[in-house]
């Protein structure tokens, strides 16, 4: 891997980290007790997603990260979504998963 690709990967990971931090900040503002729950958990994942649905098909994609509270390891991930059924619309959302074990 050349240095240009490494920098691009680092920049992408930094952007995912910033979006995850923003998602957590919004969660903590809306539900302050979530901060203690996430700190006490085995870990958490935070994702941002964008999707569209037109008539009978749709899909979306996003990215996020999972954080292991014990090891402090971050795993970066991509997310794909496929939808079937009648509908129309555009959505953008963020989600947080909290892991008990």
N, C-alpha and C. Protein backbone atom coordinates (compact mmCIF):
# COMPACT_ATOMS: atom_id res chain seq x y z
N UNK A 1 0.85 -1.17 0.00
CA UNK A 1 0.00 0.00 0.00
C UNK A 1 0.89 1.24 0.00
N UNK A 2 0.59 2.16 -0.89
CA UNK A 2 1.41 3.36 -0.92
C UNK A 2 0.89 4.38 0.10
N UNK A 3 1.67 5.43 0.33
CA UNK A 3 1.32 6.43 1.34
C UNK A 3 0.03 7.15 1.02
N UNK A 4 -0.25 7.37 -0.25
CA UNK A 4 -1.48 8.07 -0.64
C UNK A 4 -2.71 7.28 -0.19
N UNK A 5 -2.72 5.97 -0.42
CA UNK A 5 -3.85 5.14 0.00
C UNK A 5 -3.98 5.09 1.51
N UNK A 6 -2.85 5.04 2.21
CA UNK A 6 -2.87 5.01 3.67
C UNK A 6 -3.49 6.30 4.22
N UNK A 7 -3.14 7.43 3.63
CA UNK A 7 -3.69 8.70 4.08
C UNK A 7 -5.19 8.76 3.81
N UNK A 8 -5.61 8.28 2.67
CA UNK A 8 -7.03 8.26 2.33
C UNK A 8 -7.79 7.40 3.33
N UNK A 9 -7.25 6.25 3.67
CA UNK A 9 -7.89 5.37 4.64
C UNK A 9 -7.96 6.06 6.00
N UNK A 10 -6.89 6.70 6.41
CA UNK A 10 -6.87 7.40 7.70
C UNK A 10 -7.89 8.54 7.71
N UNK A 11 -8.01 9.25 6.60
CA UNK A 11 -8.97 10.34 6.52
C UNK A 11 -10.41 9.80 6.60
N UNK A 12 -10.66 8.69 5.91
CA UNK A 12 -12.00 8.08 5.97
C UNK A 12 -12.32 7.63 7.38
N UNK A 13 -11.36 7.02 8.06
CA UNK A 13 -11.58 6.56 9.43
C UNK A 13 -11.81 7.74 10.37
N UNK A 14 -11.09 8.83 10.15
CA UNK A 14 -11.28 10.03 10.98
C UNK A 14 -12.69 10.59 10.79
N UNK A 15 -13.18 10.59 9.56
CA UNK A 15 -14.53 11.09 9.28
C UNK A 15 -15.58 10.20 9.94
N UNK A 16 -15.39 8.88 9.89
CA UNK A 16 -16.31 7.96 10.55
C UNK A 16 -16.29 8.20 12.06
N UNK A 17 -15.11 8.41 12.62
CA UNK A 17 -14.98 8.70 14.06
C UNK A 17 -15.70 9.98 14.45
N UNK A 18 -15.59 11.01 13.62
CA UNK A 18 -16.27 12.27 13.91
C UNK A 18 -17.78 12.10 13.87
N UNK A 19 -18.29 11.35 12.88
CA UNK A 19 -19.74 11.12 12.81
C UNK A 19 -20.21 10.31 14.01
N UNK A 20 -19.42 9.33 14.44
CA UNK A 20 -19.79 8.53 15.62
C UNK A 20 -19.82 9.41 16.86
N UNK A 21 -18.83 10.29 17.01
CA UNK A 21 -18.81 11.22 18.15
C UNK A 21 -20.03 12.14 18.14
N UNK A 22 -20.42 12.63 16.96
CA UNK A 22 -21.59 13.49 16.84
C UNK A 22 -22.87 12.74 17.20
N UNK A 23 -22.96 11.48 16.75
CA UNK A 23 -24.12 10.65 17.07
C UNK A 23 -24.23 10.44 18.58
N UNK A 24 -23.11 10.12 19.22
CA UNK A 24 -23.11 9.91 20.67
C UNK A 24 -23.45 11.21 21.40
N UNK A 25 -22.95 12.33 20.93
CA UNK A 25 -23.25 13.62 21.57
C UNK A 25 -24.75 13.92 21.52
N UNK A 26 -25.37 13.65 20.36
CA UNK A 26 -26.83 13.86 20.25
C UNK A 26 -27.59 12.92 21.18
N UNK A 27 -27.14 11.67 21.28
CA UNK A 27 -27.77 10.70 22.18
C UNK A 27 -27.65 11.16 23.63
N UNK A 28 -26.45 11.56 24.03
CA UNK A 28 -26.23 11.99 25.42
C UNK A 28 -27.04 13.24 25.76
N UNK A 29 -27.23 14.11 24.79
CA UNK A 29 -28.03 15.31 25.02
C UNK A 29 -29.51 14.94 25.21
N UNK A 30 -30.00 14.02 24.38
CA UNK A 30 -31.40 13.60 24.47
C UNK A 30 -31.65 12.70 25.67
N UNK A 31 -30.68 11.85 26.00
CA UNK A 31 -30.83 10.89 27.10
C UNK A 31 -29.52 10.83 27.87
N UNK A 32 -29.30 11.74 28.84
CA UNK A 32 -28.03 11.79 29.58
C UNK A 32 -27.65 10.46 30.26
N UNK A 33 -28.62 9.66 30.66
CA UNK A 33 -28.32 8.39 31.33
C UNK A 33 -27.65 7.39 30.40
N UNK A 34 -27.73 7.60 29.09
CA UNK A 34 -27.12 6.68 28.13
C UNK A 34 -25.60 6.66 28.27
N UNK A 35 -25.01 7.77 28.71
CA UNK A 35 -23.55 7.83 28.84
C UNK A 35 -23.04 6.79 29.84
N UNK A 36 -23.70 6.68 30.99
CA UNK A 36 -23.30 5.69 32.00
C UNK A 36 -23.55 4.27 31.49
N UNK A 37 -24.65 4.07 30.77
CA UNK A 37 -24.96 2.74 30.23
C UNK A 37 -23.91 2.29 29.23
N UNK A 38 -23.48 3.20 28.36
CA UNK A 38 -22.48 2.85 27.35
C UNK A 38 -21.12 2.63 27.99
N UNK A 39 -20.79 3.43 28.99
CA UNK A 39 -19.51 3.27 29.68
C UNK A 39 -19.44 1.92 30.41
N UNK A 40 -20.57 1.44 30.95
CA UNK A 40 -20.61 0.18 31.68
C UNK A 40 -20.77 -1.03 30.77
N UNK A 41 -21.08 -0.81 29.51
CA UNK A 41 -21.33 -1.91 28.57
C UNK A 41 -20.03 -2.56 28.10
N UNK A 42 -20.17 -3.72 27.46
CA UNK A 42 -19.01 -4.38 26.87
C UNK A 42 -18.46 -3.56 25.71
N UNK A 43 -19.34 -2.84 25.05
CA UNK A 43 -18.94 -2.01 23.93
C UNK A 43 -20.15 -1.40 23.27
N UNK A 44 -19.91 -0.67 22.18
CA UNK A 44 -21.00 -0.06 21.45
C UNK A 44 -20.61 0.07 19.98
N UNK A 45 -21.60 0.32 19.15
CA UNK A 45 -21.37 0.61 17.74
C UNK A 45 -22.22 1.81 17.37
N UNK A 46 -21.69 2.69 16.54
CA UNK A 46 -22.41 3.88 16.08
C UNK A 46 -22.32 3.93 14.55
N UNK A 47 -23.47 4.08 13.90
CA UNK A 47 -23.54 4.09 12.44
C UNK A 47 -24.33 5.29 11.94
N UNK A 48 -23.96 5.77 10.75
CA UNK A 48 -24.71 6.76 10.00
C UNK A 48 -25.11 6.10 8.70
N UNK A 49 -26.37 6.31 8.25
CA UNK A 49 -26.88 5.64 7.07
C UNK A 49 -27.69 6.62 6.23
N UNK A 50 -27.68 6.40 4.91
CA UNK A 50 -28.50 7.16 3.98
C UNK A 50 -29.12 6.17 3.01
N UNK A 51 -30.43 6.30 2.77
CA UNK A 51 -31.09 5.37 1.86
C UNK A 51 -32.23 6.01 1.09
N UNK A 52 -32.62 5.36 -0.01
CA UNK A 52 -33.73 5.81 -0.83
C UNK A 52 -34.57 4.61 -1.23
N UNK A 53 -35.87 4.87 -1.43
CA UNK A 53 -36.77 3.85 -1.92
C UNK A 53 -37.66 4.47 -2.97
N UNK A 54 -37.72 3.84 -4.15
CA UNK A 54 -38.55 4.32 -5.24
C UNK A 54 -39.40 3.15 -5.73
N UNK A 55 -40.68 3.28 -5.57
CA UNK A 55 -41.68 2.29 -5.96
C UNK A 55 -41.47 0.95 -5.25
N UNK A 56 -40.87 -0.05 -5.91
CA UNK A 56 -40.82 -1.38 -5.31
C UNK A 56 -39.44 -1.79 -4.80
N UNK A 57 -38.44 -0.95 -4.97
CA UNK A 57 -37.10 -1.33 -4.54
C UNK A 57 -36.37 -0.14 -3.93
N UNK A 58 -35.44 -0.44 -3.10
CA UNK A 58 -34.65 0.62 -2.49
C UNK A 58 -33.41 0.05 -1.85
N UNK A 59 -32.62 0.94 -1.34
CA UNK A 59 -31.39 0.51 -0.68
C UNK A 59 -30.72 1.68 -0.01
N UNK A 60 -29.67 1.38 0.67
CA UNK A 60 -28.94 2.41 1.36
C UNK A 60 -27.55 1.92 1.72
N UNK A 61 -26.76 2.85 2.18
CA UNK A 61 -25.42 2.48 2.64
C UNK A 61 -25.00 3.43 3.73
N UNK A 62 -24.06 2.98 4.50
CA UNK A 62 -23.56 3.81 5.58
C UNK A 62 -22.25 3.27 6.09
N UNK A 63 -21.78 3.89 7.15
CA UNK A 63 -20.53 3.46 7.76
C UNK A 63 -20.60 3.74 9.25
N UNK A 64 -19.72 3.10 9.97
CA UNK A 64 -19.70 3.29 11.40
C UNK A 64 -18.51 2.59 12.02
N UNK A 65 -18.56 2.52 13.32
CA UNK A 65 -17.50 1.85 14.05
C UNK A 65 -18.06 1.13 15.27
N UNK A 66 -17.34 0.12 15.67
CA UNK A 66 -17.64 -0.59 16.91
C UNK A 66 -16.45 -0.38 17.85
N UNK A 67 -16.76 -0.14 19.13
CA UNK A 67 -15.72 0.13 20.12
C UNK A 67 -15.85 -0.88 21.25
N UNK A 68 -14.75 -1.59 21.54
CA UNK A 68 -14.69 -2.56 22.63
C UNK A 68 -14.19 -1.82 23.87
N UNK A 69 -15.03 -1.69 24.88
CA UNK A 69 -14.64 -0.94 26.09
C UNK A 69 -13.49 -1.61 26.86
N UNK A 70 -13.39 -2.93 26.78
CA UNK A 70 -12.33 -3.64 27.52
C UNK A 70 -10.96 -3.44 26.87
N UNK A 71 -10.89 -3.62 25.56
CA UNK A 71 -9.60 -3.55 24.86
C UNK A 71 -9.33 -2.18 24.24
N UNK A 72 -10.36 -1.34 24.18
CA UNK A 72 -10.28 -0.01 23.55
C UNK A 72 -10.05 -0.12 22.03
N UNK A 73 -10.32 -1.30 21.45
CA UNK A 73 -10.14 -1.53 20.02
C UNK A 73 -11.32 -0.95 19.24
N UNK A 74 -11.02 -0.27 18.14
CA UNK A 74 -12.03 0.26 17.24
C UNK A 74 -12.03 -0.58 15.97
N UNK A 75 -13.22 -1.00 15.55
CA UNK A 75 -13.38 -1.73 14.30
C UNK A 75 -14.26 -0.88 13.40
N UNK A 76 -13.74 -0.50 12.23
CA UNK A 76 -14.49 0.31 11.28
C UNK A 76 -15.28 -0.61 10.36
N UNK A 77 -16.53 -0.21 10.05
CA UNK A 77 -17.40 -1.07 9.25
C UNK A 77 -18.18 -0.26 8.22
N UNK A 78 -18.62 -0.95 7.19
CA UNK A 78 -19.54 -0.40 6.21
C UNK A 78 -20.86 -1.15 6.35
N UNK A 79 -21.95 -0.49 5.99
CA UNK A 79 -23.26 -1.10 6.11
C UNK A 79 -23.99 -0.92 4.78
N UNK A 80 -24.63 -1.99 4.29
CA UNK A 80 -25.45 -1.94 3.09
C UNK A 80 -26.85 -2.39 3.46
N UNK A 81 -27.84 -1.82 2.77
CA UNK A 81 -29.23 -2.11 3.07
C UNK A 81 -29.97 -2.33 1.75
N UNK A 82 -30.80 -3.37 1.69
CA UNK A 82 -31.64 -3.64 0.53
C UNK A 82 -33.08 -3.68 1.01
N UNK A 83 -33.97 -2.99 0.27
CA UNK A 83 -35.38 -2.94 0.66
C UNK A 83 -36.24 -3.44 -0.49
N UNK A 84 -37.32 -4.13 -0.15
CA UNK A 84 -38.31 -4.57 -1.13
C UNK A 84 -39.68 -4.15 -0.62
N UNK A 85 -40.61 -3.98 -1.52
CA UNK A 85 -41.96 -3.59 -1.14
C UNK A 85 -42.29 -2.20 -1.64
N UNK A 86 -43.56 -1.89 -1.64
CA UNK A 86 -44.03 -0.63 -2.18
C UNK A 86 -43.70 0.53 -1.26
N UNK A 87 -43.21 1.60 -1.83
CA UNK A 87 -42.90 2.79 -1.03
C UNK A 87 -42.11 3.81 -1.82
N UNK A 88 -41.95 4.97 -1.21
CA UNK A 88 -41.17 6.01 -1.84
C UNK A 88 -40.64 6.92 -0.74
N UNK A 89 -39.39 7.27 -0.81
CA UNK A 89 -38.85 8.18 0.18
C UNK A 89 -37.34 8.15 0.26
N UNK A 90 -36.85 9.08 1.06
CA UNK A 90 -35.42 9.22 1.32
C UNK A 90 -35.26 9.30 2.84
N UNK A 91 -34.25 8.65 3.36
CA UNK A 91 -34.03 8.71 4.81
C UNK A 91 -32.54 8.83 5.10
N UNK A 92 -32.27 9.51 6.18
CA UNK A 92 -30.92 9.64 6.70
C UNK A 92 -31.04 9.45 8.20
N UNK A 93 -30.28 8.52 8.76
CA UNK A 93 -30.38 8.28 10.19
C UNK A 93 -29.06 7.84 10.79
N UNK A 94 -29.00 7.97 12.09
CA UNK A 94 -27.86 7.48 12.87
C UNK A 94 -28.41 6.52 13.91
N UNK A 95 -27.63 5.52 14.24
CA UNK A 95 -28.06 4.55 15.24
C UNK A 95 -26.89 4.14 16.12
N UNK A 96 -27.21 3.76 17.35
CA UNK A 96 -26.21 3.30 18.31
C UNK A 96 -26.65 1.94 18.84
N UNK A 97 -25.77 0.96 18.80
CA UNK A 97 -26.00 -0.36 19.39
C UNK A 97 -25.14 -0.44 20.65
N UNK A 98 -25.72 -0.93 21.74
CA UNK A 98 -24.98 -1.10 23.00
C UNK A 98 -24.92 -2.60 23.28
N UNK A 99 -23.72 -3.13 23.52
CA UNK A 99 -23.52 -4.56 23.72
C UNK A 99 -23.36 -4.89 25.20
N UNK A 100 -24.20 -5.80 25.68
CA UNK A 100 -24.10 -6.23 27.08
C UNK A 100 -22.91 -7.13 27.31
N UNK A 101 -22.63 -8.02 26.35
CA UNK A 101 -21.52 -8.98 26.48
C UNK A 101 -20.65 -8.96 25.24
